[in-house]
Amino acid sequence: MSVTHVRLVSVPVRDQDRARDFYVDTLGFDLVRDNPMGPGGRWVQVAPKGAATALTLVTWFPTMPPGSLKGLVLETDDLDGDVARLRARGVVFAEDGILTAPWGRYVTFDDPDGNGIVLQATRV
């Protein structure tokens, strides 16, 4: 097998506009594509600036209801600053706040549909 990287991860959402606004305006991702797809469908793709892996905000997988994705891990080199910025933009973090583990520090939150996100700073 000659896989070089993960290209896309599908994130199940209820409302693509609301999800796009959250990932772009709140998290600061780039909007890669927002195009019609098939009859009545839409391809919405977002990604962190400069990332090789993007997210597709999907509504068409019956086995992936909105909010069913858990453990999407985002890496940051400024966890405290990002938490402060996201909190100012209305993101609600888990009650336990920033946690420390042997491998680094992290905090968890949900997108508007309840998909679970981990924002982490890995120790090097």
PDB file of N, CA and C in Angstrom:
ATOM      1  N   MET A   1       0.846  -1.174   0.000  1.00  0.00           N
ATOM      2  CA  MET A   1       0.000   0.000   0.000  1.00  0.00           C
ATOM      3  C   MET A   1       0.889   1.235   0.000  1.00  0.00           C
ATOM      4  N   SER A   2       0.543   2.227  -0.791  1.00  0.00           N
ATOM      5  CA  SER A   2       1.381   3.431  -0.882  1.00  0.00           C
ATOM      6  C   SER A   2       0.596   4.688  -0.521  1.00  0.00           C
ATOM      7  N   VAL A   3      -0.177   4.606   0.550  1.00  0.00           N
ATOM      8  CA  VAL A   3      -0.932   5.765   1.026  1.00  0.00           C
ATOM      9  C   VAL A   3       0.065   6.805   1.534  1.00  0.00           C
ATOM     10  N   THR A   4      -0.133   8.053   1.155  1.00  0.00           N
ATOM     11  CA  THR A   4       0.788   9.110   1.574  1.00  0.00           C
ATOM     12  C   THR A   4       0.223   9.998   2.674  1.00  0.00           C
ATOM     13  N   HIS A   5      -1.106  10.127   2.755  1.00  0.00           N
ATOM     14  CA  HIS A   5      -1.712  10.923   3.814  1.00  0.00           C
ATOM     15  C   HIS A   5      -3.229  10.781   3.764  1.00  0.00           C
ATOM     16  N   VAL A   6      -3.882  11.277   4.796  1.00  0.00           N
ATOM     17  CA  VAL A   6      -5.347  11.315   4.822  1.00  0.00           C
ATOM     18  C   VAL A   6      -5.777  12.598   4.130  1.00  0.00           C
ATOM     19  N   ARG A   7      -6.626  12.502   3.122  1.00  0.00           N
ATOM     20  CA  ARG A   7      -7.062  13.668   2.357  1.00  0.00           C
ATOM     21  C   ARG A   7      -8.278  14.343   2.989  1.00  0.00           C
ATOM     22  N   LEU A   8      -9.304  13.522   3.335  1.00  0.00           N
ATOM     23  CA  LEU A   8     -10.575  14.071   3.820  1.00  0.00           C
ATOM     24  C   LEU A   8     -11.106  13.288   5.008  1.00  0.00           C
ATOM     25  N   VAL A   9     -11.787  13.989   5.887  1.00  0.00           N
ATOM     26  CA  VAL A   9     -12.550  13.370   6.963  1.00  0.00           C
ATOM     27  C   VAL A   9     -13.955  13.943   6.859  1.00  0.00           C
ATOM     28  N   SER A  10     -14.962  13.077   6.829  1.00  0.00           N
ATOM     29  CA  SER A  10     -16.354  13.533   6.745  1.00  0.00           C
ATOM     30  C   SER A  10     -16.887  13.839   8.141  1.00  0.00           C
ATOM     31  N   VAL A  11     -17.443  15.032   8.294  1.00  0.00           N
ATOM     32  CA  VAL A  11     -18.038  15.469   9.550  1.00  0.00           C
ATOM     33  C   VAL A  11     -19.542  15.583   9.323  1.00  0.00           C
ATOM     34  N   PRO A  12     -20.351  14.767  10.007  1.00  0.00           N
ATOM     35  CA  PRO A  12     -21.799  14.779   9.778  1.00  0.00           C
ATOM     36  C   PRO A  12     -22.471  15.964  10.472  1.00  0.00           C
ATOM     37  N   VAL A  13     -23.164  16.776   9.660  1.00  0.00           N
ATOM     38  CA  VAL A  13     -23.814  17.987  10.176  1.00  0.00           C
ATOM     39  C   VAL A  13     -25.266  18.042   9.726  1.00  0.00           C
ATOM     40  N   ARG A  14     -26.040  18.822  10.415  1.00  0.00           N
ATOM     41  CA  ARG A  14     -27.455  19.003  10.075  1.00  0.00           C
ATOM     42  C   ARG A  14     -27.625  20.135   9.056  1.00  0.00           C
ATOM     43  N   ASP A  15     -26.897  21.229   9.274  1.00  0.00           N
ATOM     44  CA  ASP A  15     -27.034  22.441   8.458  1.00  0.00           C
ATOM     45  C   ASP A  15     -25.639  22.833   7.969  1.00  0.00           C
ATOM     46  N   GLN A  16     -25.398  22.696   6.677  1.00  0.00           N
ATOM     47  CA  GLN A  16     -24.072  22.965   6.139  1.00  0.00           C
ATOM     48  C   GLN A  16     -23.660  24.431   6.269  1.00  0.00           C
ATOM     49  N   ASP A  17     -24.612  25.352   6.158  1.00  0.00           N
ATOM     50  CA  ASP A  17     -24.281  26.771   6.312  1.00  0.00           C
ATOM     51  C   ASP A  17     -23.810  27.068   7.733  1.00  0.00           C
ATOM     52  N   ARG A  18     -24.552  26.586   8.721  1.00  0.00           N
ATOM     53  CA  ARG A  18     -24.189  26.815  10.121  1.00  0.00           C
ATOM     54  C   ARG A  18     -22.836  26.167  10.425  1.00  0.00           C
ATOM     55  N   ALA A  19     -22.627  24.941   9.945  1.00  0.00           N
ATOM     56  CA  ALA A  19     -21.359  24.249  10.173  1.00  0.00           C
ATOM     57  C   ALA A  19     -20.209  24.980   9.485  1.00  0.00           C
ATOM     58  N   ARG A  20     -20.416  25.391   8.244  1.00  0.00           N
ATOM     59  CA  ARG A  20     -19.375  26.135   7.515  1.00  0.00           C
ATOM     60  C   ARG A  20     -18.998  27.398   8.282  1.00  0.00           C
ATOM     61  N   ASP A  21     -19.988  28.132   8.760  1.00  0.00           N
ATOM     62  CA  ASP A  21     -19.711  29.357   9.512  1.00  0.00           C
ATOM     63  C   ASP A  21     -18.910  29.060  10.777  1.00  0.00           C
ATOM     64  N   PHE A  22     -19.231  27.970  11.467  1.00  0.00           N
ATOM     65  CA  PHE A  22     -18.498  27.617  12.676  1.00  0.00           C
ATOM     66  C   PHE A  22     -17.045  27.285  12.351  1.00  0.00           C
ATOM     67  N   TYR A  23     -16.838  26.409  11.377  1.00  0.00           N
ATOM     68  CA  TYR A  23     -15.476  25.985  11.074  1.00  0.00           C
ATOM     69  C   TYR A  23     -14.644  27.113  10.451  1.00  0.00           C
ATOM     70  N   VAL A  24     -15.261  27.971   9.674  1.00  0.00           N
ATOM     71  CA  VAL A  24     -14.530  29.065   9.028  1.00  0.00           C
ATOM     72  C   VAL A  24     -14.443  30.286   9.948  1.00  0.00           C
ATOM     73  N   ASP A  25     -15.575  30.785  10.417  1.00  0.00           N
ATOM     74  CA  ASP A  25     -15.574  32.036  11.181  1.00  0.00           C
ATOM     75  C   ASP A  25     -15.124  31.856  12.631  1.00  0.00           C
ATOM     76  N   THR A  26     -15.498  30.752  13.246  1.00  0.00           N
ATOM     77  CA  THR A  26     -15.147  30.541  14.651  1.00  0.00           C
ATOM     78  C   THR A  26     -13.776  29.884  14.804  1.00  0.00           C
ATOM     79  N   LEU A  27     -13.551  28.772  14.096  1.00  0.00           N
ATOM     80  CA  LEU A  27     -12.274  28.062  14.231  1.00  0.00           C
ATOM     81  C   LEU A  27     -11.172  28.646  13.354  1.00  0.00           C
ATOM     82  N   GLY A  28     -11.538  29.430  12.337  1.00  0.00           N
ATOM     83  CA  GLY A  28     -10.531  30.056  11.477  1.00  0.00           C
ATOM     84  C   GLY A  28     -10.032  29.192  10.340  1.00  0.00           C
ATOM     85  N   PHE A  29     -10.769  28.128  10.000  1.00  0.00           N
ATOM     86  CA  PHE A  29     -10.389  27.285   8.873  1.00  0.00           C
ATOM     87  C   PHE A  29     -10.611  28.040   7.561  1.00  0.00           C
ATOM     88  N   ASP A  30      -9.932  27.583   6.521  1.00  0.00           N
ATOM     89  CA  ASP A  30     -10.174  28.094   5.172  1.00  0.00           C
ATOM     90  C   ASP A  30     -11.354  27.358   4.558  1.00  0.00           C
ATOM     91  N   LEU A  31     -12.157  28.067   3.786  1.00  0.00           N
ATOM     92  CA  LEU A  31     -13.198  27.429   2.978  1.00  0.00           C
ATOM     93  C   LEU A  31     -12.524  26.988   1.691  1.00  0.00           C
ATOM     94  N   VAL A  32     -12.385  25.680   1.505  1.00  0.00           N
ATOM     95  CA  VAL A  32     -11.696  25.128   0.339  1.00  0.00           C
ATOM     96  C   VAL A  32     -12.647  25.056  -0.850  1.00  0.00           C
ATOM     97  N   ARG A  33     -13.874  24.543  -0.600  1.00  0.00           N
ATOM     98  CA  ARG A  33     -14.882  24.413  -1.663  1.00  0.00           C
ATOM     99  C   ARG A  33     -16.271  24.532  -1.066  1.00  0.00           C
ATOM    100  N   ASP A  34     -17.159  25.115  -1.825  1.00  0.00           N
ATOM    101  CA  ASP A  34     -18.587  25.128  -1.509  1.00  0.00           C
ATOM    102  C   ASP A  34     -19.299  25.086  -2.858  1.00  0.00           C
ATOM    103  N   ASN A  35     -19.529  23.853  -3.345  1.00  0.00           N
ATOM    104  CA  ASN A  35     -20.034  23.655  -4.704  1.00  0.00           C
ATOM    105  C   ASN A  35     -21.266  22.761  -4.701  1.00  0.00           C
ATOM    106  N   PRO A  36     -22.132  22.946  -5.721  1.00  0.00           N
ATOM    107  CA  PRO A  36     -23.237  21.998  -5.883  1.00  0.00           C
ATOM    108  C   PRO A  36     -22.682  20.596  -6.125  1.00  0.00           C
ATOM    109  N   MET A  37     -23.431  19.597  -5.652  1.00  0.00           N
ATOM    110  CA  MET A  37     -23.007  18.210  -5.831  1.00  0.00           C
ATOM    111  C   MET A  37     -24.260  17.368  -6.057  1.00  0.00           C
ATOM    112  N   GLY A  38     -24.403  16.860  -7.245  1.00  0.00           N
ATOM    113  CA  GLY A  38     -25.571  16.024  -7.530  1.00  0.00           C
ATOM    114  C   GLY A  38     -26.865  16.806  -7.406  1.00  0.00           C
ATOM    115  N   PRO A  39     -27.984  16.117  -7.506  1.00  0.00           N
ATOM    116  CA  PRO A  39     -29.275  16.797  -7.426  1.00  0.00           C
ATOM    117  C   PRO A  39     -29.584  17.228  -5.986  1.00  0.00           C
ATOM    118  N   GLY A  40     -29.587  18.538  -5.767  1.00  0.00           N
ATOM    119  CA  GLY A  40     -29.944  19.088  -4.465  1.00  0.00           C
ATOM    120  C   GLY A  40     -28.883  18.940  -3.396  1.00  0.00           C
ATOM    121  N   GLY A  41     -27.693  18.465  -3.757  1.00  0.00           N
ATOM    122  CA  GLY A  41     -26.634  18.280  -2.777  1.00  0.00           C
ATOM    123  C   GLY A  41     -25.594  19.373  -2.864  1.00  0.00           C
ATOM    124  N   ARG A  42     -24.687  19.341  -1.911  1.00  0.00           N
ATOM    125  CA  ARG A  42     -23.665  20.377  -1.843  1.00  0.00           C
ATOM    126  C   ARG A  42     -22.395  19.792  -1.237  1.00  0.00           C
ATOM    127  N   TRP A  43     -21.254  20.164  -1.795  1.00  0.00           N
ATOM    128  CA  TRP A  43     -19.957  19.760  -1.277  1.00  0.00           C
ATOM    129  C   TRP A  43     -19.352  20.963  -0.562  1.00  0.00           C
ATOM    130  N   VAL A  44     -19.234  20.858   0.760  1.00  0.00           N
ATOM    131  CA  VAL A  44     -18.626  21.922   1.559  1.00  0.00           C
ATOM    132  C   VAL A  44     -17.374  21.333   2.206  1.00  0.00           C
ATOM    133  N   GLN A  45     -16.236  21.923   1.879  1.00  0.00           N
ATOM    134  CA  GLN A  45     -14.946  21.418   2.352  1.00  0.00           C
ATOM    135  C   GLN A  45     -14.188  22.554   3.023  1.00  0.00           C
ATOM    136  N   VAL A  46     -13.685  22.297   4.230  1.00  0.00           N
ATOM    137  CA  VAL A  46     -12.922  23.279   4.995  1.00  0.00           C
ATOM    138  C   VAL A  46     -11.625  22.630   5.458  1.00  0.00           C
ATOM    139  N   ALA A  47     -10.632  23.458   5.780  1.00  0.00           N
ATOM    140  CA  ALA A  47      -9.355  22.922   6.250  1.00  0.00           C
ATOM    141  C   ALA A  47      -8.614  23.981   7.049  1.00  0.00           C
ATOM    142  N   PRO A  48      -7.831  23.550   8.026  1.00  0.00           N
ATOM    143  CA  PRO A  48      -6.928  24.501   8.674  1.00  0.00           C
ATOM    144  C   PRO A  48      -5.977  25.075   7.631  1.00  0.00           C
ATOM    145  N   LYS A  49      -5.560  26.290   7.824  1.00  0.00           N
ATOM    146  CA  LYS A  49      -4.657  26.935   6.869  1.00  0.00           C
ATOM    147  C   LYS A  49      -3.410  26.087   6.640  1.00  0.00           C
ATOM    148  N   GLY A  50      -3.149  25.755   5.382  1.00  0.00           N
ATOM    149  CA  GLY A  50      -1.960  25.007   5.010  1.00  0.00           C
ATOM    150  C   GLY A  50      -1.992  23.506   5.293  1.00  0.00           C
ATOM    151  N   ALA A  51      -3.106  22.988   5.757  1.00  0.00           N
ATOM    152  CA  ALA A  51      -3.181  21.564   6.116  1.00  0.00           C
ATOM    153  C   ALA A  51      -3.341  20.676   4.890  1.00  0.00           C
ATOM    154  N   ALA A  52      -2.828  19.457   4.990  1.00  0.00           N
ATOM    155  CA  ALA A  52      -2.990  18.468   3.922  1.00  0.00           C
ATOM    156  C   ALA A  52      -4.334  17.765   4.033  1.00  0.00           C
ATOM    157  N   THR A  53      -4.905  17.715   5.229  1.00  0.00           N
ATOM    158  CA  THR A  53      -6.180  17.035   5.448  1.00  0.00           C
ATOM    159  C   THR A  53      -7.292  18.066   5.598  1.00  0.00           C
ATOM    160  N   ALA A  54      -8.403  17.814   4.913  1.00  0.00           N
ATOM    161  CA  ALA A  54      -9.552  18.712   4.978  1.00  0.00           C
ATOM    162  C   ALA A  54     -10.750  17.974   5.574  1.00  0.00           C
ATOM    163  N   LEU A  55     -11.764  18.727   5.936  1.00  0.00           N
ATOM    164  CA  LEU A  55     -13.024  18.178   6.425  1.00  0.00           C
ATOM    165  C   LEU A  55     -14.111  18.458   5.405  1.00  0.00           C
ATOM    166  N   THR A  56     -14.952  17.466   5.155  1.00  0.00           N
ATOM    167  CA  THR A  56     -16.156  17.700   4.363  1.00  0.00           C
ATOM    168  C   THR A  56     -17.328  17.707   5.334  1.00  0.00           C
ATOM    169  N   LEU A  57     -18.178  18.700   5.199  1.00  0.00           N
ATOM    170  CA  LEU A  57     -19.333  18.856   6.080  1.00  0.00           C
ATOM    171  C   LEU A  57     -20.509  18.199   5.373  1.00  0.00           C
ATOM    172  N   VAL A  58     -20.837  16.983   5.802  1.00  0.00           N
ATOM    173  CA  VAL A  58     -21.744  16.115   5.045  1.00  0.00           C
ATOM    174  C   VAL A  58     -23.115  15.999   5.703  1.00  0.00           C
ATOM    175  N   THR A  59     -24.114  15.824   4.840  1.00  0.00           N
ATOM    176  CA  THR A  59     -25.497  15.631   5.286  1.00  0.00           C
ATOM    177  C   THR A  59     -26.114  14.379   4.688  1.00  0.00           C
ATOM    178  N   TRP A  60     -25.370  13.650   3.875  1.00  0.00           N
ATOM    179  CA  TRP A  60     -25.975  12.606   3.051  1.00  0.00           C
ATOM    180  C   TRP A  60     -25.677  11.176   3.477  1.00  0.00           C
ATOM    181  N   PHE A  61     -25.012  10.937   4.576  1.00  0.00           N
ATOM    182  CA  PHE A  61     -24.737   9.573   5.017  1.00  0.00           C
ATOM    183  C   PHE A  61     -25.740   9.165   6.087  1.00  0.00           C
ATOM    184  N   PRO A  62     -26.697   8.298   5.778  1.00  0.00           N
ATOM    185  CA  PRO A  62     -27.702   7.927   6.766  1.00  0.00           C
ATOM    186  C   PRO A  62     -27.129   7.232   7.996  1.00  0.00           C
ATOM    187  N   THR A  63     -25.975   6.612   7.858  1.00  0.00           N
ATOM    188  CA  THR A  63     -25.369   5.933   9.013  1.00  0.00           C
ATOM    189  C   THR A  63     -24.477   6.874   9.827  1.00  0.00           C
ATOM    190  N   MET A  64     -24.403   8.137   9.423  1.00  0.00           N
ATOM    191  CA  MET A  64     -23.619   9.140  10.154  1.00  0.00           C
ATOM    192  C   MET A  64     -24.534  10.306  10.520  1.00  0.00           C
ATOM    193  N   PRO A  65     -25.323  10.169  11.566  1.00  0.00           N
ATOM    194  CA  PRO A  65     -26.198  11.278  11.938  1.00  0.00           C
ATOM    195  C   PRO A  65     -25.391  12.470  12.458  1.00  0.00           C
ATOM    196  N   PRO A  66     -25.927  13.674  12.303  1.00  0.00           N
ATOM    197  CA  PRO A  66     -25.232  14.853  12.812  1.00  0.00           C
ATOM    198  C   PRO A  66     -24.835  14.661  14.272  1.00  0.00           C
ATOM    199  N   GLY A  67     -23.599  15.013  14.581  1.00  0.00           N
ATOM    200  CA  GLY A  67     -23.102  14.913  15.938  1.00  0.00           C
ATOM    201  C   GLY A  67     -22.501  13.572  16.297  1.00  0.00           C
ATOM    202  N   SER A  68     -22.437  12.645  15.366  1.00  0.00           N
ATOM    203  CA  SER A  68     -21.956  11.296  15.691  1.00  0.00           C
ATOM    204  C   SER A  68     -20.429  11.151  15.631  1.00  0.00           C
ATOM    205  N   LEU A  69     -19.730  12.148  15.131  1.00  0.00           N
ATOM    206  CA  LEU A  69     -18.269  12.077  15.081  1.00  0.00           C
ATOM    207  C   LEU A  69     -17.698  12.521  16.428  1.00  0.00           C
ATOM    208  N   LYS A  70     -16.869  11.701  17.009  1.00  0.00           N
ATOM    209  CA  LYS A  70     -16.229  12.023  18.291  1.00  0.00           C
ATOM    210  C   LYS A  70     -14.731  11.839  18.151  1.00  0.00           C
ATOM    211  N   GLY A  71     -13.980  12.706  18.778  1.00  0.00           N
ATOM    212  CA  GLY A  71     -12.532  12.544  18.799  1.00  0.00           C
ATOM    213  C   GLY A  71     -11.795  13.126  17.604  1.00  0.00           C
ATOM    214  N   LEU A  72     -12.359  14.131  16.942  1.00  0.00           N
ATOM    215  CA  LEU A  72     -11.617  14.834  15.900  1.00  0.00           C
ATOM    216  C   LEU A  72     -10.549  15.655  16.614  1.00  0.00           C
ATOM    217  N   VAL A  73      -9.282  15.359  16.365  1.00  0.00           N
ATOM    218  CA  VAL A  73      -8.178  15.985  17.093  1.00  0.00           C
ATOM    219  C   VAL A  73      -7.531  17.057  16.229  1.00  0.00           C
ATOM    220  N   LEU A  74      -7.471  18.268  16.778  1.00  0.00           N
ATOM    221  CA  LEU A  74      -6.814  19.400  16.130  1.00  0.00           C
ATOM    222  C   LEU A  74      -5.585  19.758  16.938  1.00  0.00           C
ATOM    223  N   GLU A  75      -4.460  19.896  16.295  1.00  0.00           N
ATOM    224  CA  GLU A  75      -3.201  20.225  16.962  1.00  0.00           C
ATOM    225  C   GLU A  75      -2.977  21.733  16.906  1.00  0.00           C
ATOM    226  N   THR A  76      -2.478  22.300  18.002  1.00  0.00           N
ATOM    227  CA  THR A  76      -2.155  23.722  18.061  1.00  0.00           C
ATOM    228  C   THR A  76      -0.807  23.922  18.725  1.00  0.00           C
ATOM    229  N   ASP A  77      -0.138  25.025  18.392  1.00  0.00           N
ATOM    230  CA  ASP A  77       1.095  25.370  19.095  1.00  0.00           C
ATOM    231  C   ASP A  77       0.864  26.512  20.079  1.00  0.00           C
ATOM    232  N   ASP A  78      -0.414  26.903  20.272  1.00  0.00           N
ATOM    233  CA  ASP A  78      -0.779  27.956  21.231  1.00  0.00           C
ATOM    234  C   ASP A  78      -2.116  27.607  21.874  1.00  0.00           C
ATOM    235  N   LEU A  79      -2.131  26.563  22.684  1.00  0.00           N
ATOM    236  CA  LEU A  79      -3.375  26.090  23.280  1.00  0.00           C
ATOM    237  C   LEU A  79      -4.048  27.167  24.121  1.00  0.00           C
ATOM    238  N   ASP A  80      -3.313  27.819  25.002  1.00  0.00           N
ATOM    239  CA  ASP A  80      -3.921  28.831  25.866  1.00  0.00           C
ATOM    240  C   ASP A  80      -4.497  29.994  25.049  1.00  0.00           C
ATOM    241  N   GLY A  81      -3.744  30.456  24.069  1.00  0.00           N
ATOM    242  CA  GLY A  81      -4.220  31.551  23.224  1.00  0.00           C
ATOM    243  C   GLY A  81      -5.428  31.160  22.400  1.00  0.00           C
ATOM    244  N   ASP A  82      -5.401  29.957  21.840  1.00  0.00           N
ATOM    245  CA  ASP A  82      -6.541  29.490  21.042  1.00  0.00           C
ATOM    246  C   ASP A  82      -7.784  29.308  21.897  1.00  0.00           C
ATOM    247  N   VAL A  83      -7.623  28.779  23.101  1.00  0.00           N
ATOM    248  CA  VAL A  83      -8.776  28.622  23.990  1.00  0.00           C
ATOM    249  C   VAL A  83      -9.370  29.994  24.310  1.00  0.00           C
ATOM    250  N   ALA A  84      -8.531  30.969  24.607  1.00  0.00           N
ATOM    251  CA  ALA A  84      -9.032  32.321  24.906  1.00  0.00           C
ATOM    252  C   ALA A  84      -9.757  32.908  23.701  1.00  0.00           C
ATOM    253  N   ARG A  85      -9.187  32.763  22.509  1.00  0.00           N
ATOM    254  CA  ARG A  85      -9.824  33.306  21.301  1.00  0.00           C
ATOM    255  C   ARG A  85     -11.153  32.604  21.014  1.00  0.00           C
ATOM    256  N   LEU A  86     -11.171  31.280  21.132  1.00  0.00           N
ATOM    257  CA  LEU A  86     -12.399  30.541  20.857  1.00  0.00           C
ATOM    258  C   LEU A  86     -13.473  30.839  21.907  1.00  0.00           C
ATOM    259  N   ARG A  87     -13.072  30.969  23.157  1.00  0.00           N
ATOM    260  CA  ARG A  87     -14.026  31.319  24.218  1.00  0.00           C
ATOM    261  C   ARG A  87     -14.655  32.685  23.914  1.00  0.00           C
ATOM    262  N   ALA A  88     -13.846  33.631  23.440  1.00  0.00           N
ATOM    263  CA  ALA A  88     -14.352  34.968  23.077  1.00  0.00           C
ATOM    264  C   ALA A  88     -15.327  34.896  21.896  1.00  0.00           C
ATOM    265  N   ARG A  89     -15.208  33.851  21.072  1.00  0.00           N
ATOM    266  CA  ARG A  89     -16.108  33.657  19.928  1.00  0.00           C
ATOM    267  C   ARG A  89     -17.306  32.786  20.288  1.00  0.00           C
ATOM    268  N   GLY A  90     -17.458  32.463  21.568  1.00  0.00           N
ATOM    269  CA  GLY A  90     -18.636  31.743  22.025  1.00  0.00           C
ATOM    270  C   GLY A  90     -18.508  30.241  22.165  1.00  0.00           C
ATOM    271  N   VAL A  91     -17.322  29.681  21.945  1.00  0.00           N
ATOM    272  CA  VAL A  91     -17.146  28.241  22.093  1.00  0.00           C
ATOM    273  C   VAL A  91     -17.214  27.887  23.574  1.00  0.00           C
ATOM    274  N   VAL A  92     -17.983  26.856  23.887  1.00  0.00           N
ATOM    275  CA  VAL A  92     -18.106  26.372  25.262  1.00  0.00           C
ATOM    276  C   VAL A  92     -17.257  25.112  25.385  1.00  0.00           C
ATOM    277  N   PHE A  93     -16.335  25.143  26.332  1.00  0.00           N
ATOM    278  CA  PHE A  93     -15.432  24.017  26.543  1.00  0.00           C
ATOM    279  C   PHE A  93     -15.976  23.123  27.646  1.00  0.00           C
ATOM    280  N   ALA A  94     -15.483  21.884  27.673  1.00  0.00           N
ATOM    281  CA  ALA A  94     -15.868  20.947  28.728  1.00  0.00           C
ATOM    282  C   ALA A  94     -15.566  21.575  30.085  1.00  0.00           C
ATOM    283  N   GLU A  95     -16.358  21.219  31.072  1.00  0.00           N
ATOM    284  CA  GLU A  95     -16.237  21.809  32.406  1.00  0.00           C
ATOM    285  C   GLU A  95     -14.861  21.657  33.020  1.00  0.00           C
ATOM    286  N   ASP A  96     -14.157  20.593  32.676  1.00  0.00           N
ATOM    287  CA  ASP A  96     -12.854  20.363  33.285  1.00  0.00           C
ATOM    288  C   ASP A  96     -11.746  21.223  32.683  1.00  0.00           C
ATOM    289  N   GLY A  97     -12.049  22.024  31.642  1.00  0.00           N
ATOM    290  CA  GLY A  97     -11.080  22.947  31.061  1.00  0.00           C
ATOM    291  C   GLY A  97      -9.888  22.244  30.438  1.00  0.00           C
ATOM    292  N   ILE A  98      -8.759  22.923  30.471  1.00  0.00           N
ATOM    293  CA  ILE A  98      -7.539  22.372  29.884  1.00  0.00           C
ATOM    294  C   ILE A  98      -6.983  21.302  30.820  1.00  0.00           C
ATOM    295  N   LEU A  99      -6.736  20.142  30.247  1.00  0.00           N
ATOM    296  CA  LEU A  99      -6.205  19.007  31.008  1.00  0.00           C
ATOM    297  C   LEU A  99      -4.768  18.731  30.593  1.00  0.00           C
ATOM    298  N   THR A 100      -4.010  18.144  31.510  1.00  0.00           N
ATOM    299  CA  THR A 100      -2.625  17.782  31.245  1.00  0.00           C
ATOM    300  C   THR A 100      -2.506  16.260  31.254  1.00  0.00           C
ATOM    301  N   ALA A 101      -1.807  15.753  30.260  1.00  0.00           N
ATOM    302  CA  ALA A 101      -1.536  14.318  30.130  1.00  0.00           C
ATOM    303  C   ALA A 101      -0.026  14.161  29.938  1.00  0.00           C
ATOM    304  N   PRO A 102       0.488  12.948  30.063  1.00  0.00           N
ATOM    305  CA  PRO A 102       1.933  12.751  29.877  1.00  0.00           C
ATOM    306  C   PRO A 102       2.434  13.216  28.500  1.00  0.00           C
ATOM    307  N   TRP A 103       1.576  13.194  27.508  1.00  0.00           N
ATOM    308  CA  TRP A 103       1.980  13.541  26.140  1.00  0.00           C
ATOM    309  C   TRP A 103       1.745  15.011  25.784  1.00  0.00           C
ATOM    310  N   GLY A 104       1.030  15.775  26.648  1.00  0.00           N
ATOM    311  CA  GLY A 104       0.766  17.170  26.342  1.00  0.00           C
ATOM    312  C   GLY A 104      -0.455  17.695  27.076  1.00  0.00           C
ATOM    313  N   ARG A 105      -1.070  18.740  26.543  1.00  0.00           N
ATOM    314  CA  ARG A 105      -2.248  19.357  27.148  1.00  0.00           C
ATOM    315  C   ARG A 105      -3.373  19.393  26.109  1.00  0.00           C
ATOM    316  N   TYR A 106      -4.623  19.383  26.599  1.00  0.00           N
ATOM    317  CA  TYR A 106      -5.752  19.370  25.670  1.00  0.00           C
ATOM    318  C   TYR A 106      -7.021  19.895  26.340  1.00  0.00           C
ATOM    319  N   VAL A 107      -7.973  20.235  25.493  1.00  0.00           N
ATOM    320  CA  VAL A 107      -9.290  20.673  25.932  1.00  0.00           C
ATOM    321  C   VAL A 107     -10.297  20.123  24.923  1.00  0.00           C
ATOM    322  N   THR A 108     -11.525  19.906  25.371  1.00  0.00           N
ATOM    323  CA  THR A 108     -12.539  19.369  24.457  1.00  0.00           C
ATOM    324  C   THR A 108     -13.726  20.314  24.348  1.00  0.00           C
ATOM    325  N   PHE A 109     -14.374  20.258  23.189  1.00  0.00           N
ATOM    326  CA  PHE A 109     -15.587  21.036  22.925  1.00  0.00           C
ATOM    327  C   PHE A 109     -16.337  20.385  21.783  1.00  0.00           C
ATOM    328  N   ASP A 110     -17.540  20.840  21.550  1.00  0.00           N
ATOM    329  CA  ASP A 110     -18.366  20.315  20.462  1.00  0.00           C
ATOM    330  C   ASP A 110     -18.615  21.389  19.418  1.00  0.00           C
ATOM    331  N   ASP A 111     -18.793  20.955  18.167  1.00  0.00           N
ATOM    332  CA  ASP A 111     -19.255  21.883  17.137  1.00  0.00           C
ATOM    333  C   ASP A 111     -20.768  22.069  17.336  1.00  0.00           C
ATOM    334  N   PRO A 112     -21.434  22.903  16.543  1.00  0.00           N
ATOM    335  CA  PRO A 112     -22.860  23.160  16.757  1.00  0.00           C
ATOM    336  C   PRO A 112     -23.758  21.933  16.656  1.00  0.00           C
ATOM    337  N   ASP A 113     -23.283  20.856  16.003  1.00  0.00           N
ATOM    338  CA  ASP A 113     -24.086  19.644  15.884  1.00  0.00           C
ATOM    339  C   ASP A 113     -23.768  18.615  16.954  1.00  0.00           C
ATOM    340  N   GLY A 114     -22.765  18.879  17.786  1.00  0.00           N
ATOM    341  CA  GLY A 114     -22.396  17.933  18.823  1.00  0.00           C
ATOM    342  C   GLY A 114     -21.245  17.016  18.460  1.00  0.00           C
ATOM    343  N   ASN A 115     -20.608  17.254  17.314  1.00  0.00           N
ATOM    344  CA  ASN A 115     -19.410  16.487  16.974  1.00  0.00           C
ATOM    345  C   ASN A 115     -18.305  16.877  17.950  1.00  0.00           C
ATOM    346  N   GLY A 116     -17.660  15.872  18.561  1.00  0.00           N
ATOM    347  CA  GLY A 116     -16.660  16.129  19.591  1.00  0.00           C
ATOM    348  C   GLY A 116     -15.290  16.447  19.025  1.00  0.00           C
ATOM    349  N   ILE A 117     -14.717  17.549  19.504  1.00  0.00           N
ATOM    350  CA  ILE A 117     -13.414  18.016  19.025  1.00  0.00           C
ATOM    351  C   ILE A 117     -12.450  18.096  20.200  1.00  0.00           C
ATOM    352  N   VAL A 118     -11.221  17.666  19.962  1.00  0.00           N
ATOM    353  CA  VAL A 118     -10.134  17.784  20.927  1.00  0.00           C
ATOM    354  C   VAL A 118      -9.135  18.782  20.352  1.00  0.00           C
ATOM    355  N   LEU A 119      -8.838  19.816  21.106  1.00  0.00           N
ATOM    356  CA  LEU A 119      -7.796  20.767  20.723  1.00  0.00           C
ATOM    357  C   LEU A 119      -6.609  20.476  21.624  1.00  0.00           C
ATOM    358  N   GLN A 120      -5.477  20.122  21.030  1.00  0.00           N
ATOM    359  CA  GLN A 120      -4.359  19.664  21.834  1.00  0.00           C
ATOM    360  C   GLN A 120      -3.046  20.331  21.432  1.00  0.00           C
ATOM    361  N   ALA A 121      -2.142  20.376  22.414  1.00  0.00           N
ATOM    362  CA  ALA A 121      -0.769  20.801  22.199  1.00  0.00           C
ATOM    363  C   ALA A 121       0.108  19.654  22.678  1.00  0.00           C
ATOM    364  N   THR A 122       0.719  18.955  21.736  1.00  0.00           N
ATOM    365  CA  THR A 122       1.532  17.789  22.052  1.00  0.00           C
ATOM    366  C   THR A 122       2.919  18.238  22.469  1.00  0.00           C
ATOM    367  N   ARG A 123       3.426  17.644  23.529  1.00  0.00           N
ATOM    368  CA  ARG A 123       4.796  17.917  23.947  1.00  0.00           C
ATOM    369  C   ARG A 123       5.759  17.299  22.937  1.00  0.00           C
ATOM    370  N   VAL A 124       6.811  18.021  22.662  1.00  0.00           N
ATOM    371  CA  VAL A 124       7.823  17.480  21.738  1.00  0.00           C
ATOM    372  C   VAL A 124       9.075  17.105  22.477  1.00  0.00           C
TER     373      VAL A 124
END
